Amino acid sequence: MTASPLQRLVSRFAKVEPGEIAVVVAAFLLFFFVLGSYFAVRPVRETVATVLGTERVADLWAYTAFFAILAVPLYGWLVGKIRRSLLLPGIYGMVALTLAAIGAAFQADLGDLQIGMFFYVWISVLNLLLVSIFWSFLLEFFDGGQARRLFGVIAAGGTLGALVGPALAGLLVTRIGNAGILYLAACGFLAAIVCQRVLIKLWYAKPARAATSPSEDGVPRRNDEGLGGNPFAGIFIVLKSRYLLGIASFVVLLSLVNTVLYFEQLRIVSETFVDREQRTQVFALLDVIVQSLTIIAQLFFTGRIATRLGVGALLTIVPAVLAVGFLMLLAFNVFGMIAVLLVMRRWGEYAFIRPGREMLWSALDTESKYKAKSFIDLPVYRAADYIGAQAKTALDASGSSPASVALVGAGLAVLWVLNGAWLGRRYRRQEPSS
């Protein structure tokens, strides 16, 4: 059978079987619109953060962690009661409506602190949930072998969106304003609904090994019913598993390293650029640089590294580089060095760490993929953000030198490497060959 032009194109970047091409393209486009819309909004969030100030933002991370904790049982209840074919598009629709409403409020007054604080907390909780549910659904679609082969190229769809989104924001913000960027992102989430519906149809048509859903032709179908169970089940699943506690520890270490760099970024941009729209352009430019590097890595390296060197390599490359980078910061404590670390951290997280983290879940049951995963991806991550923010504030208040902060960062990165290596070994032992 002759391969289609689309299959030949995709096969340049990953080993895609003929029956996989439709779902890979649908997932690619879905992730494109989800992350493209979010990353178009993110420069606006960072601009709002500069209006709020670093102290208020640090306090808001407590609210972000609190609402992330509340989101887990709510999401667990929704997943337990509502069919995924309704729930997932419904979430994207809710996001589109909320973005439009906030855009209208910002159009009236971007400096409204109450709306700004709500927007900052809401989008900070939401972005982790959106990414988590995307990968949870794909983990139902693919087995471990397929995940290692295909998650890199699918992740590139999100990266392309994350490249286009901030690029559009940077180009259009002076014409349509920050509110217009939110309207644009709302349209992107409407497009995501269409892609999710296509992906669900492909998923439902795929025969399942042990399905319970009836069908007219007698072929087993994927079960689309709610998962049932306790809305808090994800918490208990994590606490009972050393493997999942290891994933949670990995996320905590990732967050702590990120926090130090994040607040340095806010401080430097606030001091350097007075105009708010110019700040949005700067944040957008940084996103474009990171995403340009990421998409190249995801298309050409992520899948090959996972297949040949294993998931552990994806999890340890970036922390090892950052450990060295923090030590170099001791000798070269300048903005250029911090900028390089920021780019390396974000590029490596999107290109290697995020796909590697998702692959760790491939051998687990469906309830773990939704409920336990959302617990780690939301409250654990955001609680670590808050702890890191408060620790960074305390370090600044105590007059700690930049060298001390760099040493702390290097130490955390070394622990991160060790944790990632352990998870890679555990994954190899439990993942069946496929």
Protein backbone atom coordinates (compact mmCIF):
# COMPACT_ATOMS: atom_id res chain seq x y z
CA MET A 1 0.00 0.00 0.00
CA THR A 2 1.38 3.40 -1.06
CA ALA A 3 1.84 5.89 1.76
CA SER A 4 -0.07 9.17 1.49
CA PRO A 5 1.85 12.47 1.19
CA LEU A 6 0.78 13.35 4.74
CA GLN A 7 2.06 10.05 6.10
CA ARG A 8 5.36 10.49 4.26
CA LEU A 9 5.68 13.98 5.74
CA VAL A 10 4.96 12.89 9.33
CA SER A 11 7.20 9.84 8.93
CA ARG A 12 10.16 12.15 8.38
CA PHE A 13 9.95 13.04 12.07
CA ALA A 14 8.63 9.86 13.73
CA LYS A 15 7.99 6.21 12.99
CA VAL A 16 4.24 6.44 12.37
CA GLU A 17 2.26 3.36 11.34
CA PRO A 18 -0.49 3.76 8.67
CA GLY A 19 -3.28 3.35 11.23
CA GLU A 20 -1.82 6.04 13.46
CA ILE A 21 -1.58 8.96 11.06
CA ALA A 22 -5.11 10.34 11.58
CA VAL A 23 -4.90 10.42 15.36
CA VAL A 24 -1.38 11.90 15.31
CA VAL A 25 -2.55 14.74 13.06
CA ALA A 26 -5.71 15.34 15.12
CA ALA A 27 -3.74 15.35 18.39
CA PHE A 28 -1.09 17.61 16.84
CA LEU A 29 -3.73 20.17 15.83
CA LEU A 30 -5.56 19.96 19.15
CA PHE A 31 -2.38 20.65 21.10
CA PHE A 32 -1.55 23.42 18.63
CA PHE A 33 -4.76 25.30 19.42
CA VAL A 34 -4.66 24.65 23.17
CA LEU A 35 -1.08 25.80 23.72
CA GLY A 36 -1.24 28.42 20.98
CA SER A 37 -4.19 30.05 22.72
CA TYR A 38 -2.62 29.81 26.16
CA PHE A 39 0.76 31.15 25.05
CA ALA A 40 -0.90 34.05 23.26
CA VAL A 41 -2.43 34.94 26.63
CA ARG A 42 0.68 34.31 28.72
CA PRO A 43 2.48 37.56 27.80
CA VAL A 44 -0.68 39.36 28.96
CA ARG A 45 -0.52 37.44 32.24
CA GLU A 46 3.10 38.48 32.74
CA THR A 47 2.22 42.09 31.98
CA VAL A 48 -0.57 41.91 34.55
CA ALA A 49 1.99 40.48 36.99
CA THR A 50 4.22 43.52 36.51
CA VAL A 51 1.23 45.75 37.29
CA LEU A 52 0.43 43.75 40.43
CA GLY A 53 4.06 43.74 41.64
CA THR A 54 6.31 40.87 42.78
CA GLU A 55 5.13 40.87 46.41
CA ARG A 56 1.45 40.63 45.45
CA VAL A 57 2.25 37.95 42.84
CA ALA A 58 4.14 35.91 45.45
CA ASP A 59 1.06 36.08 47.69
CA LEU A 60 -1.20 35.13 44.78
CA TRP A 61 0.69 31.87 44.43
CA ALA A 62 -0.89 30.84 47.74
CA TYR A 63 -4.32 31.35 46.19
CA THR A 64 -3.19 29.52 43.07
CA ALA A 65 -2.11 26.53 45.16
CA PHE A 66 -5.37 26.67 47.16
CA PHE A 67 -7.61 26.71 44.10
CA ALA A 68 -5.48 24.03 42.44
CA ILE A 69 -6.20 21.82 45.46
CA LEU A 70 -9.93 22.57 45.17
CA ALA A 71 -9.84 21.82 41.44
CA VAL A 72 -8.71 18.22 41.97
CA PRO A 73 -11.85 16.82 43.67
CA LEU A 74 -14.04 18.88 41.33
CA TYR A 75 -12.23 17.51 38.30
CA GLY A 76 -12.27 14.02 39.85
CA TRP A 77 -16.03 14.27 40.30
CA LEU A 78 -16.52 15.48 36.72
CA VAL A 79 -14.34 12.70 35.30
CA GLY A 80 -16.25 10.19 37.43
CA LYS A 81 -19.71 11.35 36.31
CA ILE A 82 -19.44 12.77 32.79
CA ARG A 83 -18.50 11.07 29.54
CA ARG A 84 -15.14 12.24 28.23
CA SER A 85 -16.72 12.98 24.85
CA LEU A 86 -18.75 15.72 26.59
CA LEU A 87 -16.41 16.77 29.38
CA LEU A 88 -13.26 17.55 27.40
CA PRO A 89 -14.87 19.77 24.71
CA GLY A 90 -16.97 21.35 27.48
CA ILE A 91 -13.84 22.42 29.36
CA TYR A 92 -12.49 24.16 26.26
CA GLY A 93 -15.83 25.92 25.78
CA MET A 94 -15.78 27.17 29.38
CA VAL A 95 -12.28 28.52 28.87
CA ALA A 96 -13.30 30.39 25.70
CA LEU A 97 -16.25 32.08 27.45
CA THR A 98 -14.16 33.08 30.48
CA LEU A 99 -11.38 34.54 28.32
CA ALA A 100 -13.93 36.63 26.42
CA ALA A 101 -15.41 37.93 29.69
CA ILE A 102 -11.98 38.86 31.12
CA GLY A 103 -11.08 40.49 27.80
CA ALA A 104 -14.14 42.71 28.09
CA ALA A 105 -13.09 43.69 31.64
CA PHE A 106 -9.52 44.48 30.55
CA GLN A 107 -10.82 46.51 27.64
CA ALA A 108 -12.47 48.76 30.20
CA ASP A 109 -9.45 48.92 32.58
CA LEU A 110 -6.28 46.82 32.39
CA GLY A 111 -5.16 48.28 35.72
CA ASP A 112 -8.13 46.85 37.67
CA LEU A 113 -6.31 44.96 40.45
CA GLN A 114 -9.23 42.70 41.35
CA ILE A 115 -9.73 41.50 37.78
CA GLY A 116 -5.96 41.24 37.34
CA MET A 117 -5.58 39.04 40.43
CA PHE A 118 -8.49 36.82 39.37
CA PHE A 119 -7.06 36.47 35.87
CA TYR A 120 -3.57 35.65 37.16
CA VAL A 121 -4.79 32.93 39.54
CA TRP A 122 -7.34 31.50 37.09
CA ILE A 123 -4.95 31.17 34.16
CA SER A 124 -2.18 29.80 36.40
CA VAL A 125 -4.45 26.99 37.64
CA LEU A 126 -6.00 26.40 34.25
CA ASN A 127 -2.86 26.01 32.14
CA LEU A 128 -1.69 22.96 34.11
CA LEU A 129 -5.14 21.38 33.97
CA LEU A 130 -5.42 21.87 30.20
CA VAL A 131 -2.09 20.19 29.54
CA SER A 132 -2.82 17.42 32.04
CA ILE A 133 -6.17 16.44 30.53
CA PHE A 134 -4.73 16.52 27.01
CA TRP A 135 -2.05 13.98 27.89
CA SER A 136 -4.43 11.92 30.07
CA PHE A 137 -6.64 11.36 27.06
CA LEU A 138 -3.72 10.47 24.79
CA LEU A 139 -2.47 7.96 27.37
CA GLU A 140 -5.79 6.14 26.88
CA PHE A 141 -5.15 6.11 23.14
CA PHE A 142 -1.54 4.87 23.02
CA ASP A 143 0.45 2.13 24.71
CA GLY A 144 3.98 2.65 26.04
CA GLY A 145 5.76 1.86 22.78
CA GLN A 146 3.54 4.22 20.82
CA ALA A 147 4.05 6.93 23.45
CA ARG A 148 7.83 6.74 23.09
CA ARG A 149 7.58 6.91 19.29
CA LEU A 150 4.83 9.50 18.90
CA PHE A 151 4.70 11.81 21.90
CA GLY A 152 7.62 13.88 20.64
CA VAL A 153 6.01 14.76 17.31
CA ILE A 154 2.59 15.31 18.95
CA ALA A 155 4.19 17.60 21.53
CA ALA A 156 5.62 19.55 18.60
CA GLY A 157 2.05 20.56 17.74
CA GLY A 158 1.79 22.28 21.10
CA THR A 159 5.20 23.85 20.62
CA LEU A 160 4.23 25.19 17.21
CA GLY A 161 1.16 26.71 18.85
CA ALA A 162 3.33 28.08 21.63
CA LEU A 163 5.50 29.66 18.94
CA VAL A 164 2.66 31.12 16.86
CA GLY A 165 0.65 32.32 19.88
CA PRO A 166 3.18 34.72 21.41
CA ALA A 167 4.36 35.77 17.95
CA LEU A 168 0.82 36.88 17.13
CA ALA A 169 0.52 38.53 20.53
CA GLY A 170 3.72 40.49 19.96
CA LEU A 171 2.66 41.58 16.48
CA LEU A 172 -0.95 42.45 17.27
CA VAL A 173 -0.96 43.81 20.83
CA THR A 174 -0.26 47.40 19.73
CA ARG A 175 -3.22 47.20 17.33
CA ILE A 176 -5.85 45.26 19.28
CA GLY A 177 -4.56 45.74 22.84
CA ASN A 178 -4.22 43.18 25.61
CA ALA A 179 -8.00 42.63 25.63
CA GLY A 180 -7.92 41.78 21.93
CA ILE A 181 -5.30 39.10 22.60
CA LEU A 182 -7.72 37.44 25.03
CA TYR A 183 -10.49 37.51 22.40
CA LEU A 184 -8.11 35.91 19.92
CA ALA A 185 -7.26 33.16 22.41
CA ALA A 186 -10.97 32.51 23.00
CA CYS A 187 -11.36 31.80 19.27
CA GLY A 188 -8.44 29.37 19.49
CA PHE A 189 -10.19 27.36 22.20
CA LEU A 190 -13.30 27.16 20.03
CA ALA A 191 -11.11 25.57 17.33
CA ALA A 192 -9.79 23.17 20.00
CA ILE A 193 -13.36 21.94 20.57
CA VAL A 194 -13.56 20.84 16.93
CA CYS A 195 -10.21 19.03 17.10
CA GLN A 196 -11.17 17.28 20.36
CA ARG A 197 -14.43 16.04 18.82
CA VAL A 198 -12.52 14.57 15.86
CA LEU A 199 -10.03 12.91 18.20
CA ILE A 200 -12.81 11.42 20.33
CA LYS A 201 -14.46 9.92 17.24
CA LEU A 202 -11.17 8.30 16.25
CA TRP A 203 -10.71 7.02 19.81
CA TYR A 204 -14.23 5.62 20.01
CA ALA A 205 -13.82 3.83 16.66
CA LYS A 206 -10.61 2.14 17.80
CA PRO A 207 -11.19 -1.46 18.98
CA ALA A 208 -10.36 -1.98 22.65
CA ARG A 209 -8.73 -5.06 24.13
CA ALA A 210 -11.16 -5.20 27.03
CA ALA A 211 -14.02 -2.85 26.36
CA THR A 212 -17.50 -2.86 27.82
CA SER A 213 -19.29 -0.54 25.40
CA PRO A 214 -21.69 -2.31 22.97
CA SER A 215 -21.67 -1.66 19.23
CA GLU A 216 -23.91 -2.49 16.30
CA ASP A 217 -21.26 -4.45 14.37
CA GLY A 218 -20.09 -6.46 17.37
CA VAL A 219 -16.62 -4.86 17.46
CA PRO A 220 -15.56 -3.84 21.00
CA ARG A 221 -15.38 -0.09 21.45
CA ARG A 222 -13.66 2.18 23.92
CA ASN A 223 -15.65 2.86 27.08
CA ASP A 224 -16.65 6.52 27.24
CA GLU A 225 -18.57 6.38 30.52
CA GLY A 226 -17.48 8.31 33.59
CA LEU A 227 -14.82 6.57 35.62
CA GLY A 228 -16.86 6.58 38.83
CA GLY A 229 -15.12 6.22 42.17
CA ASN A 230 -14.12 8.73 44.83
CA PRO A 231 -13.35 12.28 43.61
CA PHE A 232 -10.40 12.29 46.07
CA ALA A 233 -9.09 8.93 44.84
CA GLY A 234 -6.13 10.50 43.05
CA ILE A 235 -4.64 11.68 46.34
CA PHE A 236 -4.77 8.23 47.91
CA ILE A 237 -3.46 6.54 44.75
CA VAL A 238 -0.37 8.77 44.86
CA LEU A 239 0.24 8.30 48.59
CA LYS A 240 0.18 4.50 48.24
CA SER A 241 2.71 4.33 45.39
CA ARG A 242 6.47 4.95 45.66
CA TYR A 243 6.57 5.37 41.91
CA LEU A 244 3.93 8.12 41.93
CA LEU A 245 5.54 9.76 44.96
CA GLY A 246 8.73 9.79 42.88
CA ILE A 247 6.90 11.58 40.05
CA ALA A 248 5.50 14.07 42.59
CA SER A 249 9.01 14.71 43.93
CA PHE A 250 10.24 15.28 40.38
CA VAL A 251 7.54 17.91 39.86
CA VAL A 252 8.38 19.62 43.16
CA LEU A 253 12.07 19.90 42.26
CA LEU A 254 11.19 21.18 38.79
CA SER A 255 8.96 23.84 40.31
CA LEU A 256 11.53 25.00 42.87
CA VAL A 257 14.19 25.53 40.21
CA ASN A 258 11.69 27.32 37.96
CA THR A 259 10.58 29.67 40.72
CA VAL A 260 14.00 31.19 41.28
CA LEU A 261 14.38 32.00 37.60
CA TYR A 262 10.80 33.23 37.23
CA PHE A 263 11.04 35.96 39.86
CA GLU A 264 14.39 37.13 38.52
CA GLN A 265 12.72 37.49 35.13
CA LEU A 266 9.89 39.62 36.55
CA ARG A 267 12.30 41.89 38.42
CA ILE A 268 14.62 42.50 35.47
CA VAL A 269 11.86 43.17 32.94
CA SER A 270 10.04 45.53 35.34
CA GLU A 271 13.23 47.53 35.89
CA THR A 272 14.19 47.63 32.22
CA PHE A 273 10.88 48.36 30.45
CA VAL A 274 8.41 51.02 31.63
CA ASP A 275 5.73 50.66 28.94
CA ARG A 276 3.31 47.79 29.62
CA GLU A 277 2.72 46.87 26.00
CA GLN A 278 6.50 46.82 25.49
CA ARG A 279 6.77 44.35 28.39
CA THR A 280 4.22 42.14 26.64
CA GLN A 281 6.37 42.27 23.50
CA VAL A 282 9.48 41.27 25.49
CA PHE A 283 7.75 38.30 27.11
CA ALA A 284 6.38 37.30 23.70
CA LEU A 285 9.89 37.47 22.16
CA LEU A 286 11.29 35.20 24.88
CA ASP A 287 8.50 32.71 24.18
CA VAL A 288 9.25 32.78 20.45
CA ILE A 289 12.96 32.03 21.04
CA VAL A 290 12.19 29.15 23.41
CA GLN A 291 9.51 27.59 21.23
CA SER A 292 11.64 27.85 18.06
CA LEU A 293 14.35 25.79 19.74
CA THR A 294 11.81 23.39 21.23
CA ILE A 295 10.02 22.45 18.04
CA ILE A 296 13.30 21.48 16.38
CA ALA A 297 14.19 19.25 19.33
CA GLN A 298 10.75 17.63 19.49
CA LEU A 299 10.64 16.85 15.78
CA PHE A 300 14.15 15.47 15.50
CA PHE A 301 15.42 14.40 18.93
CA THR A 302 12.75 13.70 21.57
CA GLY A 303 11.37 10.48 20.11
CA ARG A 304 14.78 9.21 19.11
CA ILE A 305 16.23 9.84 22.58
CA ALA A 306 13.26 8.13 24.27
CA THR A 307 13.45 5.12 21.95
CA ARG A 308 17.23 4.64 21.99
CA LEU A 309 18.34 5.97 25.39
CA GLY A 310 15.14 5.61 27.38
CA VAL A 311 12.78 7.90 29.24
CA GLY A 312 15.37 8.44 31.99
CA ALA A 313 17.53 10.38 29.52
CA LEU A 314 14.67 12.80 28.82
CA LEU A 315 14.24 13.39 32.54
CA THR A 316 17.90 14.02 33.42
CA ILE A 317 19.40 16.01 30.51
CA VAL A 318 17.95 19.37 31.54
CA PRO A 319 18.59 19.19 35.32
CA ALA A 320 22.19 18.21 34.62
CA VAL A 321 22.68 21.19 32.30
CA LEU A 322 21.06 23.54 34.82
CA ALA A 323 23.27 22.26 37.65
CA VAL A 324 26.31 23.25 35.59
CA GLY A 325 24.64 26.52 34.61
CA PHE A 326 24.01 27.55 38.20
CA LEU A 327 27.66 26.89 39.01
CA MET A 328 28.69 29.04 36.04
CA LEU A 329 26.43 31.76 37.44
CA LEU A 330 28.79 31.95 40.41
CA ALA A 331 31.56 33.12 38.09
CA PHE A 332 29.44 35.09 35.58
CA ASN A 333 26.64 36.73 37.56
CA VAL A 334 25.25 38.85 34.74
CA PHE A 335 21.90 39.20 32.99
CA GLY A 336 23.14 37.33 29.92
CA MET A 337 23.89 34.24 32.00
CA ILE A 338 20.49 34.33 33.68
CA ALA A 339 18.83 34.74 30.28
CA VAL A 340 20.65 31.66 28.97
CA LEU A 341 19.50 29.65 32.00
CA LEU A 342 15.91 30.78 31.48
CA VAL A 343 15.97 29.74 27.84
CA MET A 344 17.69 26.43 28.58
CA ARG A 345 15.25 25.59 31.36
CA ARG A 346 12.10 26.33 29.39
CA TRP A 347 13.38 24.82 26.14
CA GLY A 348 14.47 21.64 27.89
CA GLU A 349 11.24 21.35 29.86
CA TYR A 350 9.05 21.50 26.76
CA ALA A 351 11.33 19.45 24.50
CA PHE A 352 12.38 16.67 26.88
CA ILE A 353 10.98 16.82 30.41
CA ARG A 354 7.27 17.21 29.63
CA PRO A 355 7.10 14.37 27.07
CA GLY A 356 9.21 12.21 29.41
CA ARG A 357 6.91 12.92 32.36
CA GLU A 358 3.86 11.91 30.32
CA MET A 359 5.51 8.66 29.20
CA LEU A 360 5.95 7.68 32.86
CA TRP A 361 2.16 7.23 33.11
CA SER A 362 1.72 4.93 30.10
CA ALA A 363 1.75 1.64 32.05
CA LEU A 364 -0.75 2.78 34.72
CA ASP A 365 -4.53 2.28 34.89
CA THR A 366 -7.08 4.79 33.57
CA GLU A 367 -8.08 6.16 37.00
CA SER A 368 -4.44 6.92 37.77
CA LYS A 369 -3.99 8.62 34.40
CA TYR A 370 -6.81 11.06 35.15
CA LYS A 371 -7.22 11.42 38.93
CA ALA A 372 -3.71 10.78 40.29
CA LYS A 373 -2.17 12.65 37.38
CA SER A 374 -4.32 15.74 37.91
CA PHE A 375 -3.42 15.72 41.63
CA ILE A 376 0.31 15.84 40.82
CA ASP A 377 -0.03 18.20 37.87
CA LEU A 378 -2.14 20.78 39.75
CA PRO A 379 -1.97 21.07 43.56
CA VAL A 380 1.41 19.41 44.00
CA TYR A 381 2.92 21.62 41.31
CA ARG A 382 1.26 24.82 42.51
CA ALA A 383 1.95 24.13 46.19
CA ALA A 384 5.62 23.73 45.28
CA ASP A 385 5.38 27.03 43.38
CA TYR A 386 4.06 28.78 46.47
CA ILE A 387 6.67 27.26 48.79
CA GLY A 388 9.40 28.23 46.33
CA ALA A 389 8.04 31.77 46.00
CA GLN A 390 7.98 32.27 49.76
CA ALA A 391 11.47 30.79 50.12
CA LYS A 392 12.78 33.11 47.38
CA THR A 393 11.14 36.10 49.11
CA ALA A 394 12.74 35.06 52.40
CA LEU A 395 16.15 34.74 50.77
CA ASP A 396 15.83 38.22 49.27
CA ALA A 397 14.68 39.67 52.60
CA SER A 398 17.64 38.12 54.41
CA GLY A 399 20.05 39.81 52.03
CA SER A 400 21.37 36.57 50.54
CA SER A 401 23.92 37.13 47.81
CA PRO A 402 23.35 36.01 44.21
CA ALA A 403 26.11 33.45 44.78
CA SER A 404 24.10 31.84 47.60
CA VAL A 405 21.01 31.65 45.41
CA ALA A 406 23.07 30.05 42.63
CA LEU A 407 24.39 27.40 45.04
CA VAL A 408 20.87 26.60 46.20
CA GLY A 409 19.79 26.26 42.56
CA ALA A 410 22.69 23.96 41.78
CA GLY A 411 21.89 21.75 44.77
CA LEU A 412 18.24 21.45 43.76
CA ALA A 413 19.24 20.60 40.19
CA VAL A 414 21.52 17.77 41.40
CA LEU A 415 18.65 16.29 43.44
CA TRP A 416 16.48 16.65 40.35
CA VAL A 417 18.98 14.61 38.29
CA LEU A 418 19.04 11.81 40.86
CA ASN A 419 15.25 11.73 41.07
CA GLY A 420 14.90 11.60 37.26
CA ALA A 421 17.41 8.76 36.97
CA TRP A 422 15.52 6.72 39.60
CA LEU A 423 12.21 7.25 37.79
CA GLY A 424 13.78 6.18 34.50
CA ARG A 425 14.92 2.89 36.05
CA ARG A 426 11.51 2.24 37.63
CA TYR A 427 9.78 2.97 34.32
CA ARG A 428 11.94 0.43 32.47
CA ARG A 429 11.09 -2.28 35.01
CA GLN A 430 7.32 -1.80 34.87
CA GLU A 431 6.78 -0.90 31.19
CA PRO A 432 6.09 -3.95 28.96
CA SER A 433 7.98 -4.02 25.69
CA SER A 434 5.82 -2.94 22.77
